[in-house]
Amino acid sequence: MPQITINGTAYEFQKGEKILQVALRHDVEIPHYCYHPSLSIPANCRICLAEVAMPNPKSGKLETMGQLKPTCQTDCAEGMVVTTDSPRSIANQKSVMEFLLINHPVDCPVCDKAGECYLQDYSHEYGRGQSRFLEEKVKNPKKDIGPNILLYSDRCIMCTRCVRFTREVTGTDELMVDGRGDREMIDVFPGKPLDNPLAGNVTDICPVGALLDKEFLFQQRVWFLTKTPSVDGLTASGDNIFVEHNDGKVHRIKPRTNMDVNTWWITDEVRYSWKHVHSESRLRLPRVKGAPAADAARAGAEWKTALAAVQGVLAAAWARQQRLGLMVSPMLTCEDAFALASRVLALDPRAELAVGPVPFRGEDRTFKGGFTMYAEKAPNARGVRRVLEALSARRGGGAVHDSAAFTAALRAKQLGAAVITGNYPSDWVTPEFRDACMGTPIVLVDTLENALCNLAEVVLPGATWTEKDGTFENAKHRLQAFGRAIAPVDFARAEFQVGADLESIAAGRALRPVDAETIRAAMSAVPGLERFGSEVHVPDLSFQQSADMQFAEL
């Protein structure tokens, strides 16, 4: 392959690659602001300029190509020699930084971008020790440009990433460049707020503190946050994300680059719809109908009592030669479905199995840049069905039904007892489903209070996807594993742990913790589930980043 030399080291490149792209691919730092791999290349920030030399075809000697070249826009060529640390290149970097900071308020102590700001980093790395600008700074206003986004115009360096994003990725064109010179600024078109379904991504691609997320504003310093790689647990897209948390609380969701799934983006519904994780309506302790209210001080004993009650409800129905039922929510992981279904089928091989209600909102929408937002608002309907069908076939059972058929079976009183799971981000129980459940002993495993809690014989608090590990199958049938970000709230447990605990209770064994990886290994041995041993995409844990703030004890 052809080679290019950057700061004395040779690197291979592919035809059409830019100098900056080759450098970034090989972890060679070249400062840049306006360049983003998903967007067009205007080369307007000028900090990536470098000395570029090419061999003379006649003499073979290196000859500098005159002026400094923008590495983001210059194509690589065989034998090219690039120098970003020469006196001319360094002088340009310092000049650009000085220019960008002329009117900048230098309010890093109160800026939410502090700790992940290119302007802050490059000022330290390439800037001058002090400003030579003594005149009064131009002060631009703070603007509310959309339901989730604030624009601090005086921090903007006019890289135009956000403008190009709305033109080239979403195709919604809300943002523009208004004015000229030191009065130039980003703005929305009159009467057209920045409210497209991908709008929150502008806060991620903004290299400085100009575009900020209203919900995260003044909530946490980024160096306190731990980033855990995860997968969208709210829609069928399977978008790769980071769950950023501190002290057991999620503070924000950000996209994790995966060119095979979501590229660099996530939708605003994924970014902002995780609030149920810390809802005041979370189920926190197990409940058994007719028993005294659960006591947090005796949570372990309460769990054993509740698990024994579940076993009693299911065994009593089977003893009466009545069929059992299990409805597994599409919000649960494949491991959850496997553990719960295995336990129910161990009692009743002919149990009625069903996938819970799959929410839909609107229609699938593909944006100008190719990103697709799915109307299906459940992360694992396909994975749950795959697991249930494989287990049912192994036990010689019938077909796996949808929630409508399961509701009809409840209404017709065809089931002696039913295990029902929820884990939806909002109340999902309709009056029709509640009425159908009346008269049938119900075991509910859920995360939020709902109308079934007062009907159920036993209520077990489940865990949201941020509180457990597991696997989801997205709309394109891609299996993706993810890890636990935070511990389950209070005394909630992952649903696969509930299934394992029920198995231990039935066998008279002590309860023991299990993890999703162990369950996946067992799943891969089941005919029809071999994919879980070879085709599960596991996140690169090198992306996992712990909080780096050190504290001294006083």
Protein backbone atom coordinates (compact mmCIF):
# COMPACT_ATOMS: atom_id res chain seq x y z
CA MET A 1 0.00 0.00 0.00
CA PRO A 2 1.15 3.61 -0.53
CA GLN A 3 2.65 5.38 2.45
CA ILE A 4 2.71 8.86 3.91
CA THR A 5 5.10 10.14 6.56
CA ILE A 6 3.70 12.18 9.47
CA ASN A 7 6.19 13.68 11.91
CA GLY A 8 8.87 11.18 10.92
CA THR A 9 6.73 8.01 11.02
CA ALA A 10 5.45 6.24 7.91
CA TYR A 11 1.78 5.19 7.73
CA GLU A 12 -0.14 3.33 5.06
CA PHE A 13 -3.17 5.01 3.52
CA GLN A 14 -5.96 4.22 1.10
CA LYS A 15 -6.65 6.21 -2.03
CA GLY A 16 -8.82 9.25 -1.30
CA GLU A 17 -7.96 9.49 2.41
CA LYS A 18 -7.10 12.89 3.85
CA ILE A 19 -3.98 13.49 5.91
CA LEU A 20 -6.02 14.09 9.08
CA GLN A 21 -8.01 10.89 8.57
CA VAL A 22 -4.84 8.81 8.36
CA ALA A 23 -3.46 10.54 11.46
CA LEU A 24 -6.62 9.92 13.48
CA ARG A 25 -6.77 6.29 12.37
CA HIS A 26 -3.27 5.80 13.77
CA ASP A 27 -3.87 7.83 16.95
CA VAL A 28 -1.59 10.65 15.82
CA GLU A 29 -2.87 13.93 17.28
CA ILE A 30 -3.43 16.81 14.90
CA PRO A 31 -5.55 19.57 16.43
CA HIS A 32 -8.85 20.18 14.63
CA TYR A 33 -12.23 21.79 15.27
CA CYS A 34 -14.35 21.91 12.13
CA TYR A 35 -13.60 18.39 10.87
CA HIS A 36 -16.01 15.58 11.73
CA PRO A 37 -15.95 12.25 9.89
CA SER A 38 -19.68 12.37 9.11
CA LEU A 39 -19.74 15.90 7.71
CA SER A 40 -18.44 17.84 4.72
CA ILE A 41 -15.00 19.43 5.08
CA PRO A 42 -15.00 23.26 4.95
CA ALA A 43 -11.45 23.63 6.40
CA ASN A 44 -12.47 26.83 8.13
CA CYS A 45 -10.94 26.50 11.60
CA ARG A 46 -7.36 26.40 10.18
CA ILE A 47 -5.72 24.93 13.29
CA CYS A 48 -4.90 21.65 11.49
CA LEU A 49 -2.58 23.38 8.98
CA ALA A 50 0.78 21.68 8.57
CA GLU A 51 3.85 21.77 6.38
CA VAL A 52 3.49 19.32 3.50
CA ALA A 53 6.34 18.24 1.24
CA MET A 54 6.30 16.07 -1.89
CA PRO A 55 9.20 14.41 -3.75
CA ASN A 56 10.08 16.13 -7.02
CA PRO A 57 9.44 13.57 -9.78
CA LYS A 58 12.57 14.72 -11.64
CA SER A 59 15.12 15.12 -8.87
CA GLY A 60 13.51 12.95 -6.23
CA LYS A 61 14.17 15.62 -3.61
CA LEU A 62 11.48 16.74 -1.16
CA GLU A 63 9.97 20.11 -1.96
CA THR A 64 7.62 21.97 0.37
CA MET A 65 4.24 22.81 -1.17
CA GLY A 66 4.50 26.53 -0.44
CA GLN A 67 1.95 27.62 2.15
CA LEU A 68 0.73 25.46 5.02
CA LYS A 69 -1.93 22.95 3.98
CA PRO A 70 -5.16 22.01 5.81
CA THR A 71 -4.63 18.37 6.74
CA CYS A 72 -8.39 17.79 6.92
CA GLN A 73 -8.81 18.67 3.24
CA THR A 74 -5.55 17.56 1.61
CA ASP A 75 -5.48 14.17 -0.09
CA CYS A 76 -2.66 11.82 0.78
CA ALA A 77 -0.12 10.99 -1.91
CA GLU A 78 2.70 8.46 -2.16
CA GLY A 79 5.88 9.81 -0.60
CA MET A 80 4.18 12.81 1.02
CA VAL A 81 5.89 14.13 4.16
CA VAL A 82 3.77 16.01 6.70
CA THR A 83 5.16 17.96 9.64
CA THR A 84 2.79 19.28 12.30
CA ASP A 85 5.47 20.16 14.85
CA SER A 86 7.67 22.39 12.69
CA PRO A 87 8.19 26.05 13.74
CA ARG A 88 5.76 27.26 11.04
CA SER A 89 3.06 24.75 12.04
CA ILE A 90 3.43 25.54 15.74
CA ALA A 91 3.29 29.27 15.04
CA ASN A 92 0.03 28.77 13.13
CA GLN A 93 -1.48 26.70 15.95
CA LYS A 94 -0.64 29.39 18.50
CA SER A 95 -2.01 32.13 16.21
CA VAL A 96 -5.29 30.28 15.64
CA MET A 97 -5.73 29.66 19.36
CA GLU A 98 -5.01 33.30 20.14
CA PHE A 99 -7.54 34.38 17.53
CA LEU A 100 -10.26 32.03 18.84
CA LEU A 101 -9.77 33.22 22.41
CA ILE A 102 -9.88 36.96 21.63
CA ASN A 103 -13.60 37.25 22.43
CA HIS A 104 -14.02 34.04 24.37
CA PRO A 105 -15.28 34.63 27.94
CA VAL A 106 -12.83 32.05 29.41
CA ASP A 107 -15.51 30.83 31.83
CA CYS A 108 -14.24 27.26 32.14
CA PRO A 109 -15.01 27.05 35.89
CA VAL A 110 -18.76 27.38 35.22
CA CYS A 111 -18.94 25.83 31.74
CA ASP A 112 -20.57 22.39 31.47
CA LYS A 113 -18.16 21.42 28.69
CA ALA A 114 -15.13 21.78 30.98
CA GLY A 115 -13.23 18.52 31.01
CA GLU A 116 -14.27 17.50 27.49
CA CYS A 117 -13.67 20.76 25.59
CA TYR A 118 -11.30 20.90 22.63
CA LEU A 119 -10.79 24.63 23.15
CA GLN A 120 -9.68 24.01 26.71
CA ASP A 121 -7.40 21.12 25.73
CA TYR A 122 -5.83 22.84 22.73
CA SER A 123 -5.36 26.07 24.66
CA HIS A 124 -3.24 24.16 27.14
CA GLU A 125 -1.43 22.17 24.45
CA TYR A 126 -0.97 24.71 21.66
CA GLY A 127 -1.94 28.13 23.03
CA ARG A 128 -0.01 31.01 24.55
CA GLY A 129 0.45 31.49 28.27
CA GLN A 130 -1.50 34.76 28.32
CA SER A 131 -3.63 36.89 26.04
CA ARG A 132 -2.23 39.97 24.31
CA PHE A 133 -5.73 41.28 23.59
CA LEU A 134 -6.40 44.26 25.85
CA GLU A 135 -9.53 45.74 24.23
CA GLU A 136 -13.06 45.03 25.39
CA LYS A 137 -14.39 41.64 24.34
CA VAL A 138 -17.46 41.33 22.12
CA LYS A 139 -20.28 39.85 24.18
CA ASN A 140 -22.84 37.73 22.36
CA PRO A 141 -26.11 36.54 23.95
CA LYS A 142 -27.18 33.18 25.31
CA LYS A 143 -30.06 31.78 23.25
CA ASP A 144 -32.75 29.19 23.83
CA ILE A 145 -32.83 27.56 20.39
CA GLY A 146 -34.91 24.46 21.07
CA PRO A 147 -36.70 22.37 23.71
CA ASN A 148 -33.45 20.70 24.82
CA ILE A 149 -30.62 22.94 23.59
CA LEU A 150 -29.06 26.20 24.79
CA LEU A 151 -26.63 28.19 22.64
CA TYR A 152 -23.94 30.22 24.41
CA SER A 153 -22.95 32.38 21.45
CA ASP A 154 -19.95 34.01 23.14
CA ARG A 155 -18.26 30.59 23.43
CA CYS A 156 -18.83 29.61 19.78
CA ILE A 157 -15.75 29.33 17.53
CA MET A 158 -17.80 29.11 14.30
CA CYS A 159 -16.64 25.63 13.34
CA THR A 160 -20.13 25.18 11.75
CA ARG A 161 -20.36 21.51 12.71
CA CYS A 162 -23.90 22.03 14.02
CA VAL A 163 -25.03 23.87 10.88
CA ARG A 164 -23.68 21.13 8.63
CA PHE A 165 -25.30 18.49 10.86
CA THR A 166 -28.79 19.93 10.34
CA ARG A 167 -28.18 20.26 6.60
CA GLU A 168 -26.40 17.00 5.85
CA VAL A 169 -27.52 14.49 8.51
CA THR A 170 -31.07 15.42 9.49
CA GLY A 171 -31.93 17.52 6.43
CA THR A 172 -34.02 19.81 8.63
CA ASP A 173 -31.94 23.00 8.16
CA GLU A 174 -32.84 24.72 11.43
CA LEU A 175 -29.41 26.31 11.96
CA MET A 176 -27.60 28.97 9.96
CA VAL A 177 -24.65 31.38 10.17
CA ASP A 178 -25.84 34.95 10.75
CA GLY A 179 -23.72 38.11 10.50
CA ARG A 180 -20.07 38.68 9.61
CA GLY A 181 -16.74 39.24 11.32
CA ASP A 182 -16.77 39.40 15.10
CA ARG A 183 -20.60 39.67 14.96
CA GLU A 184 -20.94 36.35 13.17
CA MET A 185 -22.90 33.77 15.12
CA ILE A 186 -24.96 30.59 14.87
CA ASP A 187 -28.72 31.06 15.01
CA VAL A 188 -31.98 29.33 14.17
CA PHE A 189 -34.14 30.45 11.30
CA PRO A 190 -37.02 32.63 12.59
CA GLY A 191 -39.88 30.49 13.86
CA LYS A 192 -37.96 27.25 13.31
CA PRO A 193 -36.58 25.91 16.63
CA LEU A 194 -33.99 23.13 16.77
CA ASP A 195 -36.42 20.34 17.63
CA ASN A 196 -35.80 17.54 15.12
CA PRO A 197 -35.63 13.99 16.57
CA LEU A 198 -31.81 13.98 16.41
CA ALA A 199 -31.25 17.51 17.68
CA GLY A 200 -29.40 16.50 20.85
CA ASN A 201 -26.45 15.27 18.78
CA VAL A 202 -25.33 18.86 18.18
CA THR A 203 -24.24 19.00 21.84
CA ASP A 204 -22.00 15.98 21.23
CA ILE A 205 -20.32 17.28 18.09
CA CYS A 206 -19.86 20.83 19.37
CA PRO A 207 -16.13 20.92 20.20
CA VAL A 208 -16.53 23.73 22.74
CA GLY A 209 -19.12 24.86 25.30
CA ALA A 210 -21.41 26.66 22.86
CA LEU A 211 -24.22 24.11 22.53
CA LEU A 212 -25.32 22.59 25.83
CA ASP A 213 -27.97 20.14 26.97
CA LYS A 214 -30.55 21.84 29.19
CA GLU A 215 -31.20 18.69 31.24
CA PHE A 216 -27.52 18.12 32.03
CA LEU A 217 -26.80 21.80 32.69
CA PHE A 218 -25.02 22.28 36.05
CA GLN A 219 -25.79 18.69 37.12
CA GLN A 220 -22.36 17.06 37.20
CA ARG A 221 -18.74 17.68 36.32
CA VAL A 222 -17.76 15.21 33.62
CA TRP A 223 -14.70 14.03 35.53
CA PHE A 224 -17.01 12.64 38.21
CA LEU A 225 -18.83 10.44 35.67
CA THR A 226 -18.15 6.80 34.85
CA LYS A 227 -18.94 5.79 31.25
CA THR A 228 -20.31 2.29 30.75
CA PRO A 229 -20.83 1.00 27.19
CA SER A 230 -24.41 -0.12 26.70
CA VAL A 231 -27.20 -0.56 24.15
CA ASP A 232 -30.42 1.38 23.60
CA GLY A 233 -32.94 -0.20 25.98
CA LEU A 234 -35.95 1.80 24.79
CA THR A 235 -36.40 1.25 21.03
CA ALA A 236 -35.76 -1.44 18.41
CA SER A 237 -32.79 0.39 16.91
CA GLY A 238 -30.11 -1.19 19.12
CA ASP A 239 -28.17 2.07 19.10
CA ASN A 240 -24.84 1.82 20.88
CA ILE A 241 -24.63 4.22 23.81
CA PHE A 242 -22.67 5.23 26.85
CA VAL A 243 -24.51 5.32 30.17
CA GLU A 244 -22.75 8.03 32.18
CA HIS A 245 -23.33 7.76 35.90
CA ASN A 246 -22.00 8.70 39.30
CA ASP A 247 -22.71 7.37 42.78
CA GLY A 248 -25.39 4.96 41.55
CA LYS A 249 -27.32 7.52 39.52
CA VAL A 250 -27.54 7.92 35.74
CA HIS A 251 -26.90 11.50 34.63
CA ARG A 252 -26.92 11.29 30.86
CA ILE A 253 -26.95 9.00 27.83
CA LYS A 254 -24.55 9.69 24.96
CA PRO A 255 -23.94 7.93 21.63
CA ARG A 256 -21.19 5.33 21.24
CA THR A 257 -19.80 5.16 17.72
CA ASN A 258 -20.63 1.94 15.86
CA MET A 259 -20.51 2.19 12.08
CA ASP A 260 -22.57 -1.02 11.70
CA VAL A 261 -25.51 0.25 13.77
CA ASN A 262 -26.01 3.92 14.62
CA THR A 263 -22.78 5.46 13.26
CA TRP A 264 -22.24 8.51 15.51
CA TRP A 265 -25.83 9.36 16.47
CA ILE A 266 -28.75 8.54 18.75
CA THR A 267 -32.29 9.88 18.80
CA ASP A 268 -33.49 12.33 21.43
CA GLU A 269 -35.97 9.75 22.73
CA VAL A 270 -33.06 7.46 23.60
CA ARG A 271 -31.09 10.38 25.03
CA TYR A 272 -33.86 11.66 27.32
CA SER A 273 -36.33 8.81 27.98
CA TRP A 274 -34.41 6.99 30.73
CA LYS A 275 -35.89 8.99 33.63
CA HIS A 276 -38.02 6.05 34.80
CA VAL A 277 -34.80 4.46 36.07
CA HIS A 278 -34.93 6.84 39.05
CA SER A 279 -38.70 7.34 39.18
CA GLU A 280 -40.44 7.77 42.51
CA SER A 281 -42.84 5.06 41.28
CA ARG A 282 -40.20 2.33 41.16
CA LEU A 283 -41.05 -0.95 42.84
CA ARG A 284 -38.41 -1.43 45.50
CA LEU A 285 -39.41 -4.39 47.68
CA PRO A 286 -41.24 -7.68 47.02
CA ARG A 287 -44.88 -7.95 48.08
CA VAL A 288 -47.06 -10.92 48.91
CA LYS A 289 -50.83 -10.42 48.99
CA GLY A 290 -52.18 -10.65 52.52
CA ALA A 291 -48.72 -10.48 54.12
CA PRO A 292 -47.50 -7.50 56.17
CA ALA A 293 -45.79 -4.75 54.23
CA ALA A 294 -42.20 -5.59 53.35
CA ASP A 295 -39.54 -4.24 55.66
CA ALA A 296 -36.30 -2.94 54.14
CA ALA A 297 -34.38 -4.21 57.16
CA ARG A 298 -35.48 -7.75 56.33
CA ALA A 299 -35.33 -7.52 52.54
CA GLY A 300 -33.40 -10.80 52.18
CA ALA A 301 -36.00 -12.70 54.17
CA GLU A 302 -38.81 -10.92 52.31
CA TRP A 303 -37.34 -12.07 48.99
CA LYS A 304 -37.19 -15.67 50.15
CA THR A 305 -40.77 -15.45 51.36
CA ALA A 306 -41.90 -13.92 48.07
CA LEU A 307 -40.04 -16.50 45.98
CA ALA A 308 -41.57 -19.31 48.02
CA ALA A 309 -44.99 -17.72 47.47
CA VAL A 310 -44.39 -17.62 43.71
CA GLN A 311 -43.42 -21.27 43.75
CA GLY A 312 -46.56 -22.04 45.72
CA VAL A 313 -48.84 -20.15 43.30
CA LEU A 314 -47.42 -21.95 40.26
CA ALA A 315 -47.26 -25.38 41.87
CA ALA A 316 -50.86 -25.09 43.12
CA ALA A 317 -52.13 -24.35 39.63
CA TRP A 318 -50.15 -27.26 38.16
CA ALA A 319 -51.44 -29.55 40.91
CA ARG A 320 -54.97 -28.62 39.83
CA GLN A 321 -53.94 -29.70 36.31
CA GLN A 322 -54.38 -26.16 35.07
CA ARG A 323 -52.06 -24.62 32.52
CA LEU A 324 -49.50 -22.01 33.48
CA GLY A 325 -48.88 -18.85 31.50
CA LEU A 326 -45.87 -16.59 31.02
CA MET A 327 -45.86 -13.25 29.24
CA VAL A 328 -42.33 -11.91 28.73
CA SER A 329 -42.02 -8.20 28.05
CA PRO A 330 -40.07 -7.13 24.92
CA MET A 331 -38.25 -4.72 27.26
CA LEU A 332 -36.46 -7.64 28.93
CA THR A 333 -33.19 -9.22 27.83
CA CYS A 334 -32.79 -12.58 26.13
CA GLU A 335 -31.27 -13.91 29.36
CA ASP A 336 -34.30 -12.75 31.35
CA ALA A 337 -36.63 -14.55 28.94
CA PHE A 338 -34.54 -17.74 29.09
CA ALA A 339 -34.38 -17.90 32.89
CA LEU A 340 -38.08 -17.17 33.47
CA ALA A 341 -39.34 -19.43 30.68
CA SER A 342 -37.08 -22.29 31.76
CA ARG A 343 -38.58 -22.18 35.25
CA VAL A 344 -42.20 -22.05 34.07
CA LEU A 345 -41.66 -24.80 31.48
CA ALA A 346 -39.98 -26.98 34.11
CA LEU A 347 -43.35 -27.02 35.91
CA ASP A 348 -45.61 -27.08 32.86
CA PRO A 349 -44.03 -28.10 29.52
CA ARG A 350 -47.24 -27.00 27.78
CA ALA A 351 -47.34 -23.56 29.38
CA GLU A 352 -48.84 -20.71 27.39
CA LEU A 353 -45.91 -18.47 26.34
CA ALA A 354 -46.34 -15.00 24.92
CA VAL A 355 -44.40 -11.86 24.08
CA GLY A 356 -45.75 -8.81 25.89
CA PRO A 357 -47.23 -5.75 24.16
CA VAL A 358 -44.83 -4.18 21.65
CA PRO A 359 -45.34 -0.40 21.62
CA PHE A 360 -45.30 1.46 18.30
CA ARG A 361 -45.34 5.20 17.79
CA GLY A 362 -45.52 6.80 14.35
CA GLU A 363 -43.62 5.26 11.44
CA ASP A 364 -40.01 4.43 10.70
CA ARG A 365 -38.16 7.53 9.54
CA THR A 366 -34.87 7.62 7.65
CA PHE A 367 -33.06 10.96 7.65
CA LYS A 368 -31.03 12.55 4.87
CA GLY A 369 -27.75 11.20 6.24
CA GLY A 370 -29.07 7.61 6.34
CA PHE A 371 -29.85 7.29 10.06
CA THR A 372 -33.14 5.47 10.76
CA MET A 373 -35.43 6.11 13.72
CA TYR A 374 -37.70 3.13 14.38
CA ALA A 375 -41.38 3.33 15.27
CA GLU A 376 -41.07 0.18 17.39
CA LYS A 377 -40.41 1.26 20.97
CA ALA A 378 -39.15 -2.02 22.46
CA PRO A 379 -35.52 -3.16 22.36
CA ASN A 380 -35.91 -6.94 22.28
CA ALA A 381 -39.19 -8.22 20.84
CA ARG A 382 -37.30 -10.44 18.37
CA GLY A 383 -34.87 -11.75 20.96
CA VAL A 384 -37.61 -12.64 23.44
CA ARG A 385 -39.60 -14.46 20.76
CA ARG A 386 -36.50 -16.31 19.56
CA VAL A 387 -35.78 -17.59 23.09
CA LEU A 388 -39.37 -18.55 23.89
CA GLU A 389 -39.84 -20.40 20.60
CA ALA A 390 -36.61 -22.38 21.07
CA LEU A 391 -37.50 -23.39 24.63
CA SER A 392 -41.09 -24.24 23.71
CA ALA A 393 -39.92 -26.43 20.81
CA ARG A 394 -37.43 -28.23 23.06
CA ARG A 395 -40.21 -29.03 25.56
CA GLY A 396 -42.66 -30.05 22.86
CA GLY A 397 -44.91 -27.09 23.57
CA GLY A 398 -47.07 -25.00 21.28
CA ALA A 399 -46.57 -21.73 19.45
CA VAL A 400 -45.50 -18.54 21.14
CA HIS A 401 -48.34 -16.02 21.07
CA ASP A 402 -48.63 -12.28 21.15
CA SER A 403 -50.12 -10.25 23.99
CA ALA A 404 -53.60 -10.21 22.42
CA ALA A 405 -53.81 -14.02 22.43
CA PHE A 406 -52.47 -14.14 25.98
CA THR A 407 -55.09 -11.59 27.07
CA ALA A 408 -57.80 -13.71 25.45
CA ALA A 409 -56.58 -16.79 27.34
CA LEU A 410 -56.72 -14.85 30.61
CA ARG A 411 -60.17 -13.53 29.85
CA ALA A 412 -61.41 -17.07 29.08
CA LYS A 413 -59.92 -18.31 32.37
CA GLN A 414 -57.81 -20.90 30.54
CA LEU A 415 -54.81 -20.38 32.81
CA GLY A 416 -54.48 -21.57 36.38
CA ALA A 417 -51.74 -18.99 37.13
CA ALA A 418 -49.68 -16.55 35.11
CA VAL A 419 -46.32 -14.85 35.41
CA ILE A 420 -46.44 -11.39 33.84
CA THR A 421 -43.48 -9.08 33.27
CA GLY A 422 -43.41 -5.39 32.43
CA ASN A 423 -40.33 -3.19 32.70
CA TYR A 424 -41.77 -0.54 30.38
CA PRO A 425 -40.68 3.10 30.87
CA SER A 426 -44.27 4.15 31.61
CA ASP A 427 -47.58 2.64 32.73
CA TRP A 428 -48.42 -0.11 30.22
CA VAL A 429 -51.44 -1.82 31.81
CA THR A 430 -54.66 -1.09 29.92
CA PRO A 431 -58.09 -1.41 31.58
CA GLU A 432 -58.85 -4.34 29.24
CA PHE A 433 -55.74 -6.25 30.32
CA ARG A 434 -56.38 -5.53 33.99
CA ASP A 435 -59.94 -6.84 33.71
CA ALA A 436 -58.71 -9.97 31.91
CA CYS A 437 -56.32 -10.71 34.79
CA MET A 438 -59.02 -10.59 37.44
CA GLY A 439 -59.79 -14.02 38.86
CA THR A 440 -56.46 -15.58 37.80
CA PRO A 441 -53.56 -15.86 40.29
CA ILE A 442 -50.94 -13.45 38.97
CA VAL A 443 -47.22 -13.14 39.67
CA LEU A 444 -46.01 -9.73 38.53
CA VAL A 445 -42.35 -8.88 37.86
CA ASP A 446 -42.17 -5.19 37.06
CA THR A 447 -40.33 -1.93 37.69
CA LEU A 448 -43.07 0.71 38.09
CA GLU A 449 -46.29 0.83 40.08
CA ASN A 450 -49.33 -0.02 37.95
CA ALA A 451 -52.87 -1.35 38.10
CA LEU A 452 -51.74 -4.99 38.40
CA CYS A 453 -49.85 -4.44 41.65
CA ASN A 454 -53.00 -4.63 43.75
CA LEU A 455 -54.30 -7.69 41.84
CA ALA A 456 -51.17 -9.81 41.90
CA GLU A 457 -50.61 -12.55 44.45
CA VAL A 458 -46.91 -11.69 44.43
CA VAL A 459 -45.12 -8.58 43.13
CA LEU A 460 -41.38 -8.77 42.49
CA PRO A 461 -39.35 -5.62 41.74
CA GLY A 462 -37.36 -5.98 38.52
CA ALA A 463 -34.34 -4.08 37.21
CA THR A 464 -34.10 -1.69 34.27
CA TRP A 465 -31.57 -2.32 31.51
CA THR A 466 -29.10 0.11 33.08
CA GLU A 467 -29.09 -2.02 36.26
CA LYS A 468 -28.20 -5.40 34.72
CA ASP A 469 -26.22 -7.02 31.95
CA GLY A 470 -27.76 -8.92 29.08
CA THR A 471 -28.39 -9.16 25.34
CA PHE A 472 -30.87 -7.43 23.00
CA GLU A 473 -31.74 -8.31 19.39
CA ASN A 474 -32.48 -5.18 17.38
CA ALA A 475 -34.71 -4.61 14.35
CA LYS A 476 -31.98 -5.93 12.04
CA HIS A 477 -31.60 -9.13 14.11
CA ARG A 478 -28.21 -8.12 15.47
CA LEU A 479 -27.48 -9.59 18.91
CA GLN A 480 -25.69 -7.10 21.14
CA ALA A 481 -24.51 -7.62 24.71
CA PHE A 482 -24.20 -4.82 27.24
CA GLY A 483 -22.98 -4.46 30.80
CA ARG A 484 -24.52 -3.20 34.01
CA ALA A 485 -23.97 0.49 34.63
CA ILE A 486 -25.45 0.95 38.11
CA ALA A 487 -26.70 -1.31 40.88
CA PRO A 488 -30.45 -2.09 40.95
CA VAL A 489 -32.46 0.41 42.97
CA ASP A 490 -32.91 -0.64 46.60
CA PHE A 491 -33.84 -4.37 46.61
CA ALA A 492 -34.83 -4.85 42.97
CA ARG A 493 -33.31 -7.78 41.07
CA ALA A 494 -32.64 -8.60 37.44
CA GLU A 495 -35.35 -10.83 36.01
CA PHE A 496 -32.83 -13.52 35.07
CA GLN A 497 -31.78 -13.54 38.72
CA VAL A 498 -35.44 -14.02 39.69
CA GLY A 499 -35.63 -17.04 37.36
CA ALA A 500 -32.44 -18.52 38.84
CA ASP A 501 -33.71 -17.90 42.38
CA LEU A 502 -36.99 -19.68 41.62
CA GLU A 503 -35.04 -22.65 40.33
CA SER A 504 -32.95 -22.70 43.51
CA ILE A 505 -36.06 -22.52 45.71
CA ALA A 506 -37.65 -25.42 43.81
CA ALA A 507 -34.49 -27.52 44.17
CA GLY A 508 -34.03 -26.65 47.83
CA ARG A 509 -30.67 -24.96 47.18
CA ALA A 510 -29.29 -21.74 48.63
CA LEU A 511 -29.82 -18.67 46.48
CA ARG A 512 -26.74 -17.69 44.49
CA PRO A 513 -25.97 -14.77 42.16
CA VAL A 514 -25.75 -15.43 38.42
CA ASP A 515 -24.68 -13.25 35.51
CA ALA A 516 -25.81 -12.89 31.93
CA GLU A 517 -22.64 -14.44 30.49
CA THR A 518 -23.24 -17.69 32.38
CA ILE A 519 -26.83 -17.82 31.17
CA ARG A 520 -25.75 -17.12 27.57
CA ALA A 521 -23.42 -20.11 27.76
CA ALA A 522 -26.37 -22.31 28.77
CA MET A 523 -28.54 -20.79 26.03
CA SER A 524 -26.02 -21.60 23.30
CA ALA A 525 -26.48 -25.33 24.03
CA VAL A 526 -30.21 -25.16 23.20
CA PRO A 527 -31.17 -25.96 19.58
CA GLY A 528 -32.19 -22.74 17.89
CA LEU A 529 -30.15 -20.57 20.25
CA GLU A 530 -26.64 -21.46 19.02
CA ARG A 531 -26.16 -17.84 17.93
CA PHE A 532 -25.73 -16.84 21.58
CA GLY A 533 -22.43 -18.71 21.64
CA SER A 534 -20.92 -17.21 18.50
CA GLU A 535 -22.80 -14.18 17.14
CA VAL A 536 -23.27 -11.89 20.13
CA HIS A 537 -21.54 -8.55 19.63
CA VAL A 538 -19.80 -7.62 22.87
CA PRO A 539 -18.77 -3.97 23.41
CA ASP A 540 -15.11 -3.05 23.40
CA LEU A 541 -14.43 -2.58 27.10
CA SER A 542 -11.51 -0.30 26.31
CA PHE A 543 -14.26 2.31 25.90
CA GLN A 544 -15.17 1.92 29.56
CA GLN A 545 -13.96 4.98 31.41
CA SER A 546 -14.05 5.46 35.15
CA ALA A 547 -14.21 8.78 36.94
CA ASP A 548 -10.68 10.20 37.09
CA MET A 549 -11.06 12.71 39.91
CA GLN A 550 -8.84 11.90 42.88
CA PHE A 551 -9.84 12.98 46.37
CA ALA A 552 -7.62 13.65 49.33
CA GLU A 553 -8.88 12.83 52.81
CA LEU A 554 -8.69 15.88 55.08
